[in-house]
Amino acid sequence: MCDGITQTPSQWQPQYAVDGDLATRYATCANGVGKEWFEVDMCHAALVDGVTLAEAGSDVANQAAAYNVQVSMDETNWSSVAMASSVPPGTAVLTVKFAPVMARYVRFNQTGTVGMSHGGHFTGKWWSISEFNVACGAQ
């Protein structure tokens, strides 16, 4: 069973989005419907200016379909720093740049419907992240 809390198999757990290994990934374990998010706590404030999400080559249909990137110093008050209403299908590496801002928390909100169209039919897919990185600017 894969319920978002106790995820099986174990390679779909959140820590695998930040382990430096494209062979592992975080997955939502349900079709991406535009309400999913992934958040990192950097443990201290830093000047951030972008995020990168990578998918293994075989998983590009599991990419975010649209997004809103938010930052926060306290995990309560959030500011949007970048958004897009669509992501080109087949994007294996999504790099999002924004004006430098101080933040401790960075949240990537997946705001589209994840999947692929073929022959006039849409197949929903899980949203997954093989690797998530926060770009920190010079302080």
Protein backbone atom coordinates (compact mmCIF):
# COMPACT_ATOMS: atom_id res chain seq x y z
CA MET A 1 0.00 0.00 0.00
CA CYS A 2 1.22 3.47 -0.81
CA ASP A 3 -0.64 6.09 1.25
CA GLY A 4 1.77 9.04 1.31
CA ILE A 5 2.82 8.37 4.92
CA THR A 6 4.10 4.81 4.87
CA GLN A 7 5.23 4.45 1.31
CA THR A 8 6.03 1.11 -0.23
CA PRO A 9 8.28 0.40 -2.00
CA SER A 10 10.76 2.41 0.00
CA GLN A 11 12.42 4.06 -3.03
CA TRP A 12 9.39 6.41 -3.30
CA GLN A 13 9.97 8.13 0.04
CA PRO A 14 10.66 11.91 0.19
CA GLN A 15 14.33 11.62 1.19
CA TYR A 16 15.07 10.04 -2.18
CA ALA A 17 14.36 13.35 -3.94
CA VAL A 18 17.49 14.79 -2.30
CA ASP A 19 19.89 11.84 -2.25
CA GLY A 20 21.89 12.65 -5.41
CA ASP A 21 20.74 9.46 -7.16
CA LEU A 22 18.51 9.59 -10.26
CA ALA A 23 17.72 5.89 -9.77
CA THR A 24 15.66 6.68 -6.67
CA ARG A 25 12.75 9.08 -6.44
CA TYR A 26 9.95 10.54 -4.41
CA ALA A 27 6.49 9.75 -5.78
CA THR A 28 3.04 10.91 -4.72
CA CYS A 29 1.62 7.38 -5.06
CA ALA A 30 -1.48 8.86 -6.71
CA ASN A 31 -2.19 10.69 -9.95
CA GLY A 32 -0.94 14.29 -9.90
CA VAL A 33 -4.05 16.48 -9.87
CA GLY A 34 -2.50 19.87 -9.09
CA LYS A 35 -2.51 19.86 -5.30
CA GLU A 36 0.85 18.22 -4.61
CA TRP A 37 3.90 19.90 -3.10
CA PHE A 38 7.44 19.15 -2.04
CA GLU A 39 9.13 21.25 0.64
CA VAL A 40 12.69 21.45 1.93
CA ASP A 41 13.93 22.90 5.20
CA MET A 42 17.48 24.15 4.67
CA CYS A 43 18.00 24.35 8.47
CA HIS A 44 19.07 28.00 8.24
CA ALA A 45 18.24 31.03 6.13
CA ALA A 46 20.08 31.34 2.83
CA LEU A 47 19.93 33.50 -0.26
CA VAL A 48 18.12 31.32 -2.81
CA ASP A 49 17.54 32.03 -6.48
CA GLY A 50 16.18 28.87 -8.06
CA VAL A 51 15.23 25.21 -7.92
CA THR A 52 15.94 22.27 -10.18
CA LEU A 53 13.83 19.14 -10.46
CA ALA A 54 15.19 16.16 -12.37
CA GLU A 55 13.51 12.99 -13.58
CA ALA A 56 15.14 9.80 -14.73
CA GLY A 57 14.83 9.46 -18.51
CA SER A 58 12.11 6.81 -18.26
CA ASP A 59 9.97 8.93 -15.91
CA VAL A 60 9.52 12.21 -17.81
CA ALA A 61 5.72 11.72 -18.00
CA ASN A 62 5.75 12.01 -14.19
CA GLN A 63 7.07 15.59 -14.25
CA ALA A 64 5.25 18.59 -12.83
CA ALA A 65 2.69 19.88 -15.35
CA ALA A 66 2.60 23.42 -13.90
CA TYR A 67 4.05 24.96 -10.75
CA ASN A 68 4.24 27.67 -8.13
CA VAL A 69 7.50 28.00 -6.16
CA GLN A 70 7.21 29.55 -2.71
CA VAL A 71 9.71 30.53 -0.03
CA SER A 72 9.37 31.18 3.69
CA MET A 73 11.49 32.08 6.68
CA ASP A 74 9.10 30.54 9.25
CA GLU A 75 7.10 27.81 7.39
CA THR A 76 3.92 29.83 8.04
CA ASN A 77 4.15 32.92 5.84
CA TRP A 78 4.84 32.01 2.21
CA SER A 79 5.75 34.20 -0.78
CA SER A 80 5.47 33.05 -4.38
CA VAL A 81 8.69 33.65 -6.31
CA ALA A 82 8.03 31.82 -9.60
CA MET A 83 5.15 30.14 -11.37
CA ALA A 84 4.22 28.69 -14.73
CA SER A 85 0.89 27.46 -16.08
CA SER A 86 2.56 24.68 -18.07
CA VAL A 87 5.80 22.75 -18.43
CA PRO A 88 6.80 21.39 -21.87
CA PRO A 89 6.05 17.64 -22.06
CA GLY A 90 9.14 15.46 -21.80
CA THR A 91 11.14 17.92 -19.68
CA ALA A 92 13.67 15.72 -17.87
CA VAL A 93 15.31 18.62 -16.00
CA LEU A 94 13.21 21.59 -14.95
CA THR A 95 15.26 24.59 -13.84
CA VAL A 96 13.33 27.49 -12.31
CA LYS A 97 15.22 30.74 -11.67
CA PHE A 98 13.91 33.71 -9.69
CA ALA A 99 15.20 36.90 -8.09
CA PRO A 100 17.43 36.14 -5.08
CA VAL A 101 15.54 36.03 -1.79
CA MET A 102 16.38 35.02 1.79
CA ALA A 103 14.56 31.86 2.83
CA ARG A 104 14.84 28.87 5.11
CA TYR A 105 12.03 26.84 3.51
CA VAL A 106 11.43 26.27 -0.19
CA ARG A 107 8.22 24.69 -1.45
CA PHE A 108 7.53 23.50 -4.99
CA ASN A 109 3.78 23.26 -5.62
CA GLN A 110 2.79 21.00 -8.54
CA THR A 111 -0.32 22.77 -9.85
CA GLY A 112 -1.20 20.90 -13.07
CA THR A 113 -2.58 17.51 -14.08
CA VAL A 114 0.29 15.03 -14.46
CA GLY A 115 0.20 12.51 -17.27
CA MET A 116 0.46 12.04 -20.99
CA SER A 117 -1.80 12.23 -24.01
CA HIS A 118 -1.68 9.65 -26.75
CA GLY A 119 -4.21 9.02 -29.48
CA GLY A 120 -6.66 11.51 -27.99
CA HIS A 121 -6.60 9.73 -24.64
CA PHE A 122 -5.07 11.16 -21.45
CA THR A 123 -3.44 8.82 -18.95
CA GLY A 124 -2.91 10.24 -15.47
CA LYS A 125 0.45 9.62 -13.81
CA TRP A 126 1.94 9.93 -10.35
CA TRP A 127 3.99 13.06 -9.77
CA SER A 128 7.56 12.15 -8.90
CA ILE A 129 10.91 13.83 -8.33
CA SER A 130 14.15 11.95 -8.89
CA GLU A 131 16.25 14.89 -7.65
CA PHE A 132 15.35 18.27 -6.14
CA ASN A 133 17.97 20.98 -5.65
CA VAL A 134 17.77 24.52 -4.32
CA ALA A 135 20.14 27.04 -5.91
CA CYS A 136 21.76 29.32 -3.36
CA GLY A 137 23.25 32.62 -4.49
CA ALA A 138 26.24 34.37 -2.94
CA GLN A 139 25.49 36.03 0.39
